[in-house]
């Protein structure tokens, strides 16, 4: 029996989570200065960085855990499917767009990875998308998650519902316009090639481990 070992299987997602935990341990003054997107633009390195770093800041440990339970559940699957660099690109674009939109439409600060969570949820719902088709699962997720956020968007409850909507829209856009690139296409091709192939084969070729068992 092969030895089991712990692997850093999703470097972008795991590093994202680790950085968020480190930021949560920082003093509030540092978090407020560097990890909260402000409702006005500052022409400085700090002002530009906050467009992206706000996804690392969280109001509380409960806020952080609520976001990263979902990110650690969905993220590794998306990273395996789309690749580490494409997923990192999608996270950064989502962070920038949500901060920019929040700056335009809100008068408060923005922090937390909930926009990224909604991006991942909608992106995951497009996993089996095909040309000319809209998966019913995508429609159901969009109605359930984004519909609920839209209903809450105009309530003054301290939750960045608008950022959730922007994140979800970004995830849908990435899914429909092929942000996954070649890696997702290769996975789909392997699955398609294996559909209808004889049992114990992958893409029509015998699986070595099963050949040994059958040979015995």
N, C-alpha and C. Protein backbone atom coordinates (compact mmCIF):
# COMPACT_ATOMS: atom_id res chain seq x y z
N UNK A 1 0.84 -1.20 0.00
CA UNK A 1 0.00 0.00 0.00
C UNK A 1 0.88 1.26 0.00
N UNK A 2 0.55 2.19 -0.89
CA UNK A 2 1.33 3.42 -0.98
C UNK A 2 1.14 4.26 0.29
N UNK A 3 2.23 4.94 0.68
CA UNK A 3 2.16 5.79 1.86
C UNK A 3 1.33 7.04 1.57
N UNK A 4 0.51 7.42 2.54
CA UNK A 4 -0.27 8.64 2.40
C UNK A 4 0.58 9.85 2.78
N UNK A 5 0.42 10.93 2.06
CA UNK A 5 1.14 12.15 2.39
C UNK A 5 0.24 13.36 2.18
N UNK A 6 0.48 14.37 2.98
CA UNK A 6 -0.29 15.61 2.87
C UNK A 6 0.27 16.43 1.72
N UNK A 7 -0.58 16.91 0.83
CA UNK A 7 -0.14 17.69 -0.32
C UNK A 7 -0.75 19.09 -0.29
N UNK A 8 0.00 20.02 -0.80
CA UNK A 8 -0.49 21.40 -0.95
C UNK A 8 -1.23 21.45 -2.28
N UNK A 9 -2.42 20.82 -2.28
CA UNK A 9 -3.11 20.47 -3.53
C UNK A 9 -3.70 21.65 -4.29
N UNK A 10 -3.99 22.74 -3.59
CA UNK A 10 -4.60 23.90 -4.25
C UNK A 10 -3.85 25.14 -3.78
N UNK A 11 -2.69 25.43 -4.37
CA UNK A 11 -1.82 26.50 -3.85
C UNK A 11 -2.46 27.87 -3.79
N UNK A 12 -3.26 28.24 -4.77
CA UNK A 12 -3.88 29.56 -4.76
C UNK A 12 -4.91 29.66 -3.64
N UNK A 13 -5.78 28.67 -3.54
CA UNK A 13 -6.84 28.69 -2.53
C UNK A 13 -6.26 28.60 -1.12
N UNK A 14 -5.31 27.70 -0.91
CA UNK A 14 -4.73 27.52 0.41
C UNK A 14 -3.92 28.75 0.84
N UNK A 15 -3.17 29.33 -0.09
CA UNK A 15 -2.41 30.55 0.23
C UNK A 15 -3.35 31.71 0.53
N UNK A 16 -4.42 31.80 -0.22
CA UNK A 16 -5.45 32.81 0.01
C UNK A 16 -5.98 32.70 1.44
N UNK A 17 -6.34 31.48 1.84
CA UNK A 17 -6.87 31.25 3.19
C UNK A 17 -5.83 31.58 4.26
N UNK A 18 -4.58 31.17 4.03
CA UNK A 18 -3.51 31.42 5.00
C UNK A 18 -3.27 32.92 5.17
N UNK A 19 -3.24 33.66 4.07
CA UNK A 19 -3.03 35.11 4.15
C UNK A 19 -4.18 35.79 4.89
N UNK A 20 -5.41 35.32 4.66
CA UNK A 20 -6.56 35.92 5.35
C UNK A 20 -6.45 35.70 6.86
N UNK A 21 -5.99 34.53 7.27
CA UNK A 21 -5.82 34.25 8.71
C UNK A 21 -4.74 35.16 9.29
N UNK A 22 -3.62 35.31 8.57
CA UNK A 22 -2.54 36.18 9.04
C UNK A 22 -3.03 37.62 9.19
N UNK A 23 -3.78 38.10 8.20
CA UNK A 23 -4.30 39.47 8.24
C UNK A 23 -5.26 39.65 9.42
N UNK A 24 -6.05 38.62 9.71
CA UNK A 24 -7.00 38.70 10.83
C UNK A 24 -6.28 38.84 12.16
N UNK A 25 -5.05 38.37 12.24
CA UNK A 25 -4.27 38.46 13.47
C UNK A 25 -3.60 39.82 13.66
N UNK A 26 -3.62 40.65 12.62
CA UNK A 26 -2.98 41.96 12.69
C UNK A 26 -3.80 42.93 13.53
N UNK A 27 -3.17 43.97 14.05
CA UNK A 27 -3.92 45.00 14.79
C UNK A 27 -4.96 45.66 13.89
N UNK A 28 -6.06 46.12 14.48
CA UNK A 28 -7.14 46.73 13.72
C UNK A 28 -6.68 47.94 12.91
N UNK A 29 -5.74 48.70 13.46
CA UNK A 29 -5.27 49.90 12.77
C UNK A 29 -4.63 49.55 11.43
N UNK A 30 -3.85 48.48 11.42
CA UNK A 30 -3.21 48.04 10.17
C UNK A 30 -4.24 47.50 9.21
N UNK A 31 -5.19 46.71 9.72
CA UNK A 31 -6.24 46.16 8.85
C UNK A 31 -7.06 47.28 8.22
N UNK A 32 -7.40 48.28 9.00
CA UNK A 32 -8.21 49.38 8.47
C UNK A 32 -7.45 50.19 7.43
N UNK A 33 -6.14 50.30 7.59
CA UNK A 33 -5.34 51.10 6.66
C UNK A 33 -5.06 50.37 5.35
N UNK A 34 -4.88 49.04 5.41
CA UNK A 34 -4.40 48.29 4.25
C UNK A 34 -5.38 47.28 3.68
N UNK A 35 -6.39 46.89 4.44
CA UNK A 35 -7.24 45.78 4.00
C UNK A 35 -8.74 46.12 4.01
N UNK A 36 -9.03 47.41 3.85
CA UNK A 36 -10.42 47.86 3.71
C UNK A 36 -10.48 48.80 2.50
N UNK A 37 -11.30 48.44 1.50
CA UNK A 37 -11.47 49.31 0.33
C UNK A 37 -12.31 50.52 0.74
N UNK A 38 -11.78 51.70 0.44
CA UNK A 38 -12.44 52.93 0.87
C UNK A 38 -13.43 53.44 -0.19
N UNK A 39 -14.43 54.24 0.22
CA UNK A 39 -15.42 54.76 -0.73
C UNK A 39 -14.89 55.90 -1.60
N UNK A 40 -13.62 56.22 -1.47
CA UNK A 40 -13.00 57.25 -2.29
C UNK A 40 -11.62 56.76 -2.72
N UNK A 41 -11.17 57.19 -3.88
CA UNK A 41 -9.88 56.73 -4.39
C UNK A 41 -8.75 57.59 -3.86
N UNK A 42 -7.68 56.93 -3.45
CA UNK A 42 -6.47 57.63 -3.02
C UNK A 42 -5.38 57.32 -4.03
N UNK A 43 -4.78 58.35 -4.59
CA UNK A 43 -3.73 58.18 -5.60
C UNK A 43 -2.41 57.85 -4.91
N UNK A 44 -2.33 56.62 -4.42
CA UNK A 44 -1.13 56.16 -3.73
C UNK A 44 -1.03 54.65 -3.87
N UNK A 45 0.13 54.11 -3.54
CA UNK A 45 0.32 52.66 -3.59
C UNK A 45 -0.69 51.98 -2.67
N UNK A 46 -0.88 52.54 -1.50
CA UNK A 46 -1.84 51.98 -0.54
C UNK A 46 -3.26 52.00 -1.10
N UNK A 47 -3.63 53.10 -1.76
CA UNK A 47 -4.96 53.22 -2.32
C UNK A 47 -5.22 52.20 -3.42
N UNK A 48 -4.20 51.94 -4.24
CA UNK A 48 -4.34 50.95 -5.32
C UNK A 48 -4.39 49.53 -4.76
N UNK A 49 -3.52 49.25 -3.82
CA UNK A 49 -3.47 47.90 -3.24
C UNK A 49 -4.79 47.50 -2.59
N UNK A 50 -5.47 48.48 -1.99
CA UNK A 50 -6.72 48.16 -1.29
C UNK A 50 -7.83 47.68 -2.22
N UNK A 51 -7.70 47.96 -3.53
CA UNK A 51 -8.65 47.41 -4.49
C UNK A 51 -8.61 45.88 -4.48
N UNK A 52 -7.46 45.33 -4.08
CA UNK A 52 -7.27 43.88 -4.10
C UNK A 52 -7.17 43.29 -2.70
N UNK A 53 -6.54 44.00 -1.77
CA UNK A 53 -6.29 43.43 -0.45
C UNK A 53 -7.52 43.37 0.44
N UNK A 54 -8.59 44.07 0.06
CA UNK A 54 -9.79 44.06 0.91
C UNK A 54 -10.39 42.67 1.05
N UNK A 55 -10.10 41.76 0.10
CA UNK A 55 -10.64 40.40 0.21
C UNK A 55 -9.93 39.59 1.29
N UNK A 56 -8.82 40.12 1.81
CA UNK A 56 -8.10 39.44 2.90
C UNK A 56 -8.57 39.91 4.27
N UNK A 57 -9.18 41.06 4.34
CA UNK A 57 -9.63 41.60 5.62
C UNK A 57 -11.03 41.13 5.97
N UNK A 58 -11.28 40.88 7.25
CA UNK A 58 -12.61 40.45 7.69
C UNK A 58 -12.95 41.12 9.02
N UNK A 59 -14.23 41.37 9.20
CA UNK A 59 -14.69 42.08 10.40
C UNK A 59 -14.51 41.25 11.67
N UNK A 60 -14.55 39.93 11.54
CA UNK A 60 -14.44 39.05 12.71
C UNK A 60 -14.01 37.66 12.25
N UNK A 61 -13.69 36.81 13.22
CA UNK A 61 -13.33 35.43 12.88
C UNK A 61 -14.54 34.69 12.31
N UNK A 62 -15.72 35.01 12.80
CA UNK A 62 -16.93 34.38 12.27
C UNK A 62 -17.13 34.75 10.80
N UNK A 63 -16.88 36.00 10.48
CA UNK A 63 -16.96 36.49 9.09
C UNK A 63 -15.97 35.72 8.21
N UNK A 64 -14.73 35.59 8.70
CA UNK A 64 -13.70 34.89 7.95
C UNK A 64 -14.05 33.41 7.75
N UNK A 65 -14.45 32.75 8.83
CA UNK A 65 -14.77 31.32 8.74
C UNK A 65 -15.96 31.06 7.82
N UNK A 66 -16.95 31.93 7.88
CA UNK A 66 -18.11 31.76 7.01
C UNK A 66 -17.74 31.80 5.54
N UNK A 67 -16.81 32.71 5.19
CA UNK A 67 -16.37 32.81 3.80
C UNK A 67 -15.48 31.64 3.39
N UNK A 68 -14.51 31.32 4.24
CA UNK A 68 -13.50 30.34 3.82
C UNK A 68 -13.95 28.89 3.95
N UNK A 69 -15.01 28.63 4.68
CA UNK A 69 -15.56 27.28 4.64
C UNK A 69 -16.04 26.96 3.23
N UNK A 70 -16.64 27.95 2.57
CA UNK A 70 -17.10 27.75 1.20
C UNK A 70 -15.95 27.81 0.20
N UNK A 71 -15.01 28.74 0.41
CA UNK A 71 -13.87 28.85 -0.51
C UNK A 71 -13.02 27.58 -0.48
N UNK A 72 -12.79 27.03 0.70
CA UNK A 72 -11.99 25.81 0.80
C UNK A 72 -12.74 24.58 0.29
N UNK A 73 -14.06 24.67 0.24
CA UNK A 73 -14.86 23.57 -0.30
C UNK A 73 -14.90 23.62 -1.83
N UNK A 74 -15.19 24.80 -2.39
CA UNK A 74 -15.37 24.93 -3.83
C UNK A 74 -14.05 25.23 -4.55
N UNK A 75 -13.21 26.03 -3.91
CA UNK A 75 -11.99 26.52 -4.55
C UNK A 75 -11.07 25.46 -5.13
N UNK A 76 -10.71 24.42 -4.37
CA UNK A 76 -9.80 23.40 -4.92
C UNK A 76 -10.35 22.71 -6.17
N UNK A 77 -11.66 22.52 -6.22
CA UNK A 77 -12.28 21.91 -7.41
C UNK A 77 -12.11 22.83 -8.61
N UNK A 78 -12.35 24.14 -8.39
CA UNK A 78 -12.20 25.11 -9.47
C UNK A 78 -10.74 25.26 -9.88
N UNK A 79 -9.83 25.20 -8.91
CA UNK A 79 -8.41 25.32 -9.24
C UNK A 79 -7.92 24.12 -10.04
N UNK A 80 -8.43 22.94 -9.72
CA UNK A 80 -8.08 21.75 -10.49
C UNK A 80 -8.64 21.84 -11.91
N UNK A 81 -9.82 22.37 -12.04
CA UNK A 81 -10.47 22.44 -13.34
C UNK A 81 -9.90 23.54 -14.24
N UNK A 82 -9.71 24.73 -13.65
CA UNK A 82 -9.31 25.88 -14.45
C UNK A 82 -7.82 26.15 -14.44
N UNK A 83 -7.12 25.67 -13.42
CA UNK A 83 -5.71 25.97 -13.29
C UNK A 83 -5.48 27.06 -12.25
N UNK A 84 -4.29 27.06 -11.64
CA UNK A 84 -4.00 28.01 -10.56
C UNK A 84 -3.95 29.46 -11.03
N UNK A 85 -3.21 29.73 -12.10
CA UNK A 85 -3.10 31.11 -12.57
C UNK A 85 -4.43 31.69 -13.06
N UNK A 86 -5.21 30.94 -13.86
CA UNK A 86 -6.52 31.47 -14.24
C UNK A 86 -7.42 31.76 -13.03
N UNK A 87 -7.40 30.88 -12.02
CA UNK A 87 -8.24 31.13 -10.85
C UNK A 87 -7.75 32.36 -10.09
N UNK A 88 -6.44 32.51 -9.97
CA UNK A 88 -5.89 33.71 -9.32
C UNK A 88 -6.32 34.96 -10.07
N UNK A 89 -6.27 34.91 -11.40
CA UNK A 89 -6.72 36.03 -12.21
C UNK A 89 -8.18 36.35 -11.93
N UNK A 90 -9.03 35.33 -11.86
CA UNK A 90 -10.46 35.54 -11.61
C UNK A 90 -10.70 36.14 -10.23
N UNK A 91 -9.93 35.70 -9.23
CA UNK A 91 -10.07 36.24 -7.87
C UNK A 91 -9.69 37.72 -7.85
N UNK A 92 -8.57 38.06 -8.50
CA UNK A 92 -8.10 39.44 -8.51
C UNK A 92 -9.05 40.37 -9.28
N UNK A 93 -9.56 39.89 -10.41
CA UNK A 93 -10.52 40.69 -11.18
C UNK A 93 -11.78 40.93 -10.36
N UNK A 94 -12.26 39.87 -9.69
CA UNK A 94 -13.45 40.00 -8.85
C UNK A 94 -13.22 41.00 -7.72
N UNK A 95 -12.05 40.93 -7.10
CA UNK A 95 -11.72 41.86 -6.02
C UNK A 95 -11.73 43.30 -6.53
N UNK A 96 -11.10 43.53 -7.69
CA UNK A 96 -11.02 44.88 -8.23
C UNK A 96 -12.40 45.42 -8.62
N UNK A 97 -13.18 44.60 -9.32
CA UNK A 97 -14.49 45.06 -9.80
C UNK A 97 -15.44 45.33 -8.64
N UNK A 98 -15.43 44.47 -7.63
CA UNK A 98 -16.33 44.70 -6.48
C UNK A 98 -15.94 45.96 -5.72
N UNK A 99 -14.62 46.19 -5.56
CA UNK A 99 -14.17 47.40 -4.87
C UNK A 99 -14.52 48.65 -5.66
N UNK A 100 -14.34 48.59 -6.98
CA UNK A 100 -14.65 49.74 -7.83
C UNK A 100 -16.15 50.06 -7.80
N UNK A 101 -16.97 49.01 -7.92
CA UNK A 101 -18.42 49.21 -7.90
C UNK A 101 -18.88 49.73 -6.55
N UNK A 102 -18.28 49.20 -5.49
CA UNK A 102 -18.66 49.63 -4.14
C UNK A 102 -18.28 51.08 -3.92
N UNK A 103 -17.15 51.49 -4.51
CA UNK A 103 -16.72 52.87 -4.39
C UNK A 103 -17.73 53.82 -5.06
N UNK A 104 -18.29 53.39 -6.18
CA UNK A 104 -19.23 54.21 -6.93
C UNK A 104 -20.60 54.28 -6.26
N UNK A 105 -21.06 53.13 -5.73
CA UNK A 105 -22.45 53.05 -5.26
C UNK A 105 -22.61 53.05 -3.74
N UNK A 106 -21.52 53.11 -3.00
CA UNK A 106 -21.63 53.05 -1.54
C UNK A 106 -20.79 54.14 -0.90
N UNK A 107 -21.11 54.45 0.33
CA UNK A 107 -20.35 55.47 1.07
C UNK A 107 -19.56 54.86 2.21
N UNK A 108 -19.54 53.53 2.31
CA UNK A 108 -18.82 52.86 3.39
C UNK A 108 -17.64 52.07 2.89
N UNK A 109 -16.87 51.52 3.81
CA UNK A 109 -15.73 50.69 3.45
C UNK A 109 -16.17 49.27 3.12
N UNK A 110 -15.30 48.57 2.40
CA UNK A 110 -15.60 47.19 1.99
C UNK A 110 -14.46 46.28 2.39
N UNK A 111 -14.78 45.17 3.04
CA UNK A 111 -13.77 44.17 3.36
C UNK A 111 -14.43 42.79 3.39
N UNK A 112 -13.61 41.79 3.14
CA UNK A 112 -14.11 40.41 3.16
C UNK A 112 -14.08 39.75 1.80
N UNK A 113 -14.09 38.42 1.82
CA UNK A 113 -13.98 37.63 0.59
C UNK A 113 -15.33 37.12 0.08
N UNK A 114 -16.43 37.71 0.55
CA UNK A 114 -17.74 37.19 0.16
C UNK A 114 -18.01 37.38 -1.33
N UNK A 115 -17.47 38.44 -1.94
CA UNK A 115 -17.61 38.60 -3.38
C UNK A 115 -16.95 37.47 -4.13
N UNK A 116 -15.79 37.03 -3.63
CA UNK A 116 -15.08 35.90 -4.23
C UNK A 116 -15.87 34.61 -4.03
N UNK A 117 -16.50 34.47 -2.87
CA UNK A 117 -17.34 33.30 -2.61
C UNK A 117 -18.44 33.18 -3.64
N UNK A 118 -19.14 34.29 -3.89
CA UNK A 118 -20.23 34.27 -4.86
C UNK A 118 -19.71 34.05 -6.28
N UNK A 119 -18.53 34.58 -6.58
CA UNK A 119 -17.92 34.31 -7.88
C UNK A 119 -17.69 32.81 -8.05
N UNK A 120 -17.16 32.16 -7.02
CA UNK A 120 -16.88 30.73 -7.11
C UNK A 120 -18.15 29.89 -7.21
N UNK A 121 -19.18 30.29 -6.48
CA UNK A 121 -20.45 29.55 -6.52
C UNK A 121 -21.04 29.57 -7.93
N UNK A 122 -21.09 30.75 -8.53
CA UNK A 122 -21.66 30.85 -9.88
C UNK A 122 -20.74 30.21 -10.92
N UNK A 123 -19.43 30.33 -10.73
CA UNK A 123 -18.49 29.69 -11.65
C UNK A 123 -18.63 28.18 -11.60
N UNK A 124 -18.77 27.63 -10.39
CA UNK A 124 -18.92 26.18 -10.23
C UNK A 124 -20.20 25.68 -10.89
N UNK A 125 -21.24 26.51 -10.88
CA UNK A 125 -22.52 26.08 -11.46
C UNK A 125 -22.48 26.01 -12.98
N UNK A 126 -21.40 26.55 -13.60
CA UNK A 126 -21.25 26.49 -15.06
C UNK A 126 -20.28 25.38 -15.47
N UNK A 127 -19.95 24.49 -14.55
CA UNK A 127 -18.91 23.49 -14.80
C UNK A 127 -19.20 22.62 -16.02
N UNK A 128 -20.46 22.26 -16.24
CA UNK A 128 -20.80 21.37 -17.36
C UNK A 128 -21.47 22.12 -18.50
N UNK A 129 -21.12 23.39 -18.65
CA UNK A 129 -21.72 24.19 -19.71
C UNK A 129 -21.24 23.71 -21.08
N UNK A 130 -22.12 23.76 -22.06
CA UNK A 130 -21.79 23.40 -23.43
C UNK A 130 -22.23 24.53 -24.35
N UNK A 131 -21.62 24.60 -25.53
CA UNK A 131 -21.96 25.66 -26.48
C UNK A 131 -23.44 25.63 -26.81
N UNK A 132 -24.07 26.80 -26.73
CA UNK A 132 -25.48 26.90 -27.07
C UNK A 132 -26.42 26.42 -26.00
N UNK A 133 -25.89 26.11 -24.81
CA UNK A 133 -26.72 25.60 -23.72
C UNK A 133 -26.56 26.45 -22.46
N UNK A 134 -27.60 26.50 -21.66
CA UNK A 134 -27.54 27.11 -20.33
C UNK A 134 -27.97 26.05 -19.33
N UNK A 135 -27.05 25.58 -18.48
CA UNK A 135 -27.41 24.53 -17.51
C UNK A 135 -28.53 24.98 -16.58
N UNK A 136 -29.49 24.10 -16.35
CA UNK A 136 -30.58 24.42 -15.44
C UNK A 136 -30.06 24.65 -14.03
N UNK A 137 -28.98 23.94 -13.66
CA UNK A 137 -28.39 24.14 -12.34
C UNK A 137 -27.88 25.56 -12.17
N UNK A 138 -27.35 26.12 -13.25
CA UNK A 138 -26.87 27.51 -13.20
C UNK A 138 -28.04 28.45 -12.94
N UNK A 139 -29.15 28.24 -13.63
CA UNK A 139 -30.33 29.09 -13.45
C UNK A 139 -30.84 28.99 -12.01
N UNK A 140 -30.87 27.76 -11.49
CA UNK A 140 -31.35 27.56 -10.12
C UNK A 140 -30.46 28.27 -9.10
N UNK A 141 -29.14 28.13 -9.27
CA UNK A 141 -28.19 28.78 -8.35
C UNK A 141 -28.30 30.29 -8.46
N UNK A 142 -28.40 30.80 -9.69
CA UNK A 142 -28.51 32.24 -9.89
C UNK A 142 -29.76 32.80 -9.22
N UNK A 143 -30.88 32.09 -9.36
CA UNK A 143 -32.13 32.55 -8.76
C UNK A 143 -32.04 32.49 -7.23
N UNK A 144 -31.52 31.40 -6.70
CA UNK A 144 -31.48 31.22 -5.26
C UNK A 144 -30.52 32.19 -4.58
N UNK A 145 -29.29 32.27 -5.10
CA UNK A 145 -28.27 33.09 -4.45
C UNK A 145 -28.39 34.56 -4.81
N UNK A 146 -28.38 34.87 -6.12
CA UNK A 146 -28.41 36.26 -6.52
C UNK A 146 -29.79 36.88 -6.29
N UNK A 147 -30.85 36.08 -6.44
CA UNK A 147 -32.19 36.59 -6.17
C UNK A 147 -32.34 37.01 -4.72
N UNK A 148 -31.83 36.17 -3.82
CA UNK A 148 -31.89 36.50 -2.40
C UNK A 148 -31.09 37.76 -2.08
N UNK A 149 -29.90 37.88 -2.70
CA UNK A 149 -29.08 39.07 -2.46
C UNK A 149 -29.73 40.32 -3.02
N UNK A 150 -30.38 40.19 -4.17
CA UNK A 150 -31.05 41.34 -4.78
C UNK A 150 -32.18 41.84 -3.88
N UNK A 151 -32.87 40.93 -3.25
CA UNK A 151 -33.96 41.30 -2.35
C UNK A 151 -33.44 42.04 -1.11
N UNK A 152 -32.20 41.71 -0.73
CA UNK A 152 -31.62 42.31 0.48
C UNK A 152 -30.76 43.53 0.17
N UNK A 153 -30.55 43.81 -1.11
CA UNK A 153 -29.54 44.79 -1.51
C UNK A 153 -29.77 46.18 -0.95
N UNK A 154 -31.02 46.57 -0.76
CA UNK A 154 -31.31 47.94 -0.35
C UNK A 154 -31.58 48.06 1.15
N UNK A 155 -31.30 47.00 1.88
CA UNK A 155 -31.44 47.05 3.34
C UNK A 155 -30.15 47.55 3.97
N UNK A 156 -30.28 48.34 4.98
CA UNK A 156 -29.11 48.88 5.68
C UNK A 156 -28.74 47.95 6.83
N UNK A 157 -28.21 46.77 6.48
CA UNK A 157 -27.90 45.76 7.49
C UNK A 157 -26.40 45.53 7.68
N UNK A 158 -25.58 46.37 7.06
CA UNK A 158 -24.14 46.26 7.22
C UNK A 158 -23.50 45.16 6.40
N UNK A 159 -24.28 44.51 5.52
CA UNK A 159 -23.76 43.44 4.66
C UNK A 159 -23.61 43.98 3.24
N UNK A 160 -22.49 43.66 2.61
CA UNK A 160 -22.21 44.17 1.27
C UNK A 160 -22.91 43.32 0.21
N UNK A 161 -24.24 43.41 0.17
CA UNK A 161 -25.01 42.62 -0.78
C UNK A 161 -24.64 42.97 -2.23
N UNK A 162 -24.34 44.24 -2.47
CA UNK A 162 -23.98 44.66 -3.82
C UNK A 162 -22.70 43.97 -4.28
N UNK A 163 -21.74 43.81 -3.37
CA UNK A 163 -20.50 43.11 -3.71
C UNK A 163 -20.78 41.64 -4.02
N UNK A 164 -21.74 41.04 -3.31
CA UNK A 164 -22.12 39.66 -3.60
C UNK A 164 -22.68 39.54 -5.01
N UNK A 165 -23.52 40.49 -5.39
CA UNK A 165 -24.11 40.46 -6.73
C UNK A 165 -23.04 40.63 -7.81
N UNK A 166 -22.11 41.54 -7.59
CA UNK A 166 -21.04 41.76 -8.55
C UNK A 166 -20.16 40.52 -8.66
N UNK A 167 -19.85 39.91 -7.51
CA UNK A 167 -19.04 38.68 -7.52
C UNK A 167 -19.73 37.56 -8.26
N UNK A 168 -21.04 37.39 -8.02
CA UNK A 168 -21.79 36.35 -8.72
C UNK A 168 -21.83 36.59 -10.21
N UNK A 169 -22.02 37.86 -10.61
CA UNK A 169 -22.04 38.20 -12.03
C UNK A 169 -20.68 37.91 -12.67
N UNK A 170 -19.60 38.19 -11.94
CA UNK A 170 -18.26 37.91 -12.45
C UNK A 170 -18.06 36.41 -12.65
N UNK A 171 -18.51 35.60 -11.69
CA UNK A 171 -18.38 34.15 -11.81
C UNK A 171 -19.14 33.61 -13.00
N UNK A 172 -20.35 34.14 -13.21
CA UNK A 172 -21.15 33.72 -14.37
C UNK A 172 -20.45 34.10 -15.67
N UNK A 173 -19.89 35.31 -15.71
CA UNK A 173 -19.19 35.76 -16.91
C UNK A 173 -17.97 34.89 -17.20
N UNK A 174 -17.19 34.59 -16.16
CA UNK A 174 -16.02 33.74 -16.35
C UNK A 174 -16.43 32.37 -16.89
N UNK A 175 -17.51 31.82 -16.34
CA UNK A 175 -17.96 30.50 -16.76
C UNK A 175 -18.45 30.49 -18.20
N UNK A 176 -19.21 31.50 -18.58
CA UNK A 176 -19.80 31.51 -19.93
C UNK A 176 -18.81 31.92 -21.01
N UNK A 177 -17.83 32.74 -20.65
CA UNK A 177 -16.89 33.21 -21.66
C UNK A 177 -15.57 32.47 -21.63
N UNK A 178 -15.55 31.32 -20.97
CA UNK A 178 -14.40 30.41 -21.08
C UNK A 178 -13.15 30.84 -20.37
N UNK A 179 -13.28 31.42 -19.16
CA UNK A 179 -12.07 31.80 -18.44
C UNK A 179 -11.25 30.60 -18.02
N UNK A 180 -11.83 29.39 -18.07
CA UNK A 180 -11.09 28.20 -17.65
C UNK A 180 -9.97 27.84 -18.58
N UNK A 181 -10.08 28.20 -19.86
CA UNK A 181 -8.99 27.95 -20.79
C UNK A 181 -8.76 26.49 -21.10
N UNK A 182 -7.51 26.15 -21.42
CA UNK A 182 -7.18 24.84 -21.97
C UNK A 182 -7.33 23.70 -20.96
N UNK A 183 -7.05 23.97 -19.67
CA UNK A 183 -7.08 22.88 -18.69
C UNK A 183 -8.48 22.30 -18.55
N UNK A 184 -9.48 23.17 -18.46
CA UNK A 184 -10.86 22.71 -18.35
C UNK A 184 -11.25 21.94 -19.61
N UNK A 185 -10.80 22.43 -20.76
CA UNK A 185 -11.12 21.76 -22.02
C UNK A 185 -10.52 20.36 -22.07
N UNK A 186 -9.30 20.21 -21.53
CA UNK A 186 -8.66 18.89 -21.51
C UNK A 186 -9.42 17.92 -20.62
N UNK A 187 -9.90 18.43 -19.47
CA UNK A 187 -10.67 17.57 -18.56
C UNK A 187 -11.95 17.13 -19.24
N UNK A 188 -12.63 18.07 -19.89
CA UNK A 188 -13.86 17.74 -20.60
C UNK A 188 -13.60 16.72 -21.70
N UNK A 189 -12.48 16.88 -22.40
CA UNK A 189 -12.14 15.96 -23.49
C UNK A 189 -11.90 14.56 -22.96
N UNK A 190 -11.24 14.44 -21.82
CA UNK A 190 -10.99 13.13 -21.22
C UNK A 190 -12.29 12.46 -20.81
N UNK A 191 -13.18 13.25 -20.19
CA UNK A 191 -14.46 12.70 -19.77
C UNK A 191 -15.29 12.26 -20.97
N UNK A 192 -15.25 13.07 -22.03
CA UNK A 192 -16.00 12.72 -23.23
C UNK A 192 -15.43 11.48 -23.90
N UNK A 193 -14.11 11.37 -23.90
CA UNK A 193 -13.47 10.22 -24.52
C UNK A 193 -13.77 8.94 -23.77
N UNK A 194 -13.92 9.08 -22.44
CA UNK A 194 -14.17 7.90 -21.63
C UNK A 194 -15.65 7.50 -21.60
N UNK A 195 -16.53 8.40 -22.06
CA UNK A 195 -17.95 8.08 -22.07
C UNK A 195 -18.22 6.94 -23.05
N UNK A 196 -18.80 5.89 -22.57
CA UNK A 196 -19.12 4.76 -23.44
C UNK A 196 -17.96 3.80 -23.63
N UNK A 197 -16.78 4.10 -23.06
CA UNK A 197 -15.64 3.18 -23.18
C UNK A 197 -15.86 1.98 -22.27
N UNK A 198 -15.23 0.83 -22.57
CA UNK A 198 -15.40 -0.36 -21.73
C UNK A 198 -14.97 -0.11 -20.30
N UNK A 199 -15.60 -0.81 -19.37
CA UNK A 199 -15.26 -0.68 -17.96
C UNK A 199 -13.79 -1.02 -17.75
N UNK A 200 -13.12 -0.29 -16.85
CA UNK A 200 -11.71 -0.54 -16.58
C UNK A 200 -10.79 0.15 -17.56
N UNK A 201 -11.32 1.09 -18.35
CA UNK A 201 -10.48 1.81 -19.29
C UNK A 201 -10.67 3.30 -19.09
N UNK A 202 -9.70 4.07 -19.55
CA UNK A 202 -9.78 5.52 -19.56
C UNK A 202 -9.46 5.98 -20.98
N UNK A 203 -10.43 6.65 -21.60
CA UNK A 203 -10.30 7.05 -23.00
C UNK A 203 -10.01 5.85 -23.89
N UNK A 204 -10.59 4.72 -23.55
CA UNK A 204 -10.45 3.53 -24.38
C UNK A 204 -9.20 2.72 -24.10
N UNK A 205 -8.33 3.20 -23.19
CA UNK A 205 -7.08 2.49 -22.88
C UNK A 205 -7.19 1.82 -21.52
N UNK A 206 -6.63 0.61 -21.37
CA UNK A 206 -6.70 -0.08 -20.07
C UNK A 206 -6.02 0.71 -18.98
N UNK A 207 -6.62 0.69 -17.78
CA UNK A 207 -6.00 1.33 -16.63
C UNK A 207 -5.00 0.33 -16.04
N UNK A 208 -3.70 0.70 -15.95
CA UNK A 208 -2.67 -0.25 -15.52
C UNK A 208 -2.98 -0.96 -14.22
N UNK A 209 -3.44 -0.22 -13.22
CA UNK A 209 -3.71 -0.84 -11.89
C UNK A 209 -4.77 -1.91 -12.02
N UNK A 210 -5.78 -1.70 -12.85
CA UNK A 210 -6.84 -2.70 -13.03
C UNK A 210 -6.35 -3.86 -13.84
N UNK A 211 -5.42 -3.60 -14.77
CA UNK A 211 -4.87 -4.71 -15.57
C UNK A 211 -4.16 -5.72 -14.66
N UNK A 212 -3.44 -5.20 -13.65
CA UNK A 212 -2.73 -6.08 -12.72
C UNK A 212 -3.72 -6.94 -11.94
N UNK A 213 -4.80 -6.29 -11.48
CA UNK A 213 -5.80 -7.03 -10.70
C UNK A 213 -6.44 -8.10 -11.56
N UNK A 214 -6.84 -7.71 -12.78
CA UNK A 214 -7.48 -8.67 -13.69
C UNK A 214 -6.53 -9.79 -14.03
N UNK A 215 -5.23 -9.46 -14.19
CA UNK A 215 -4.23 -10.48 -14.55
C UNK A 215 -4.08 -11.53 -13.48
N UNK A 216 -4.31 -11.14 -12.24
CA UNK A 216 -4.23 -12.11 -11.14
C UNK A 216 -5.44 -13.02 -11.13
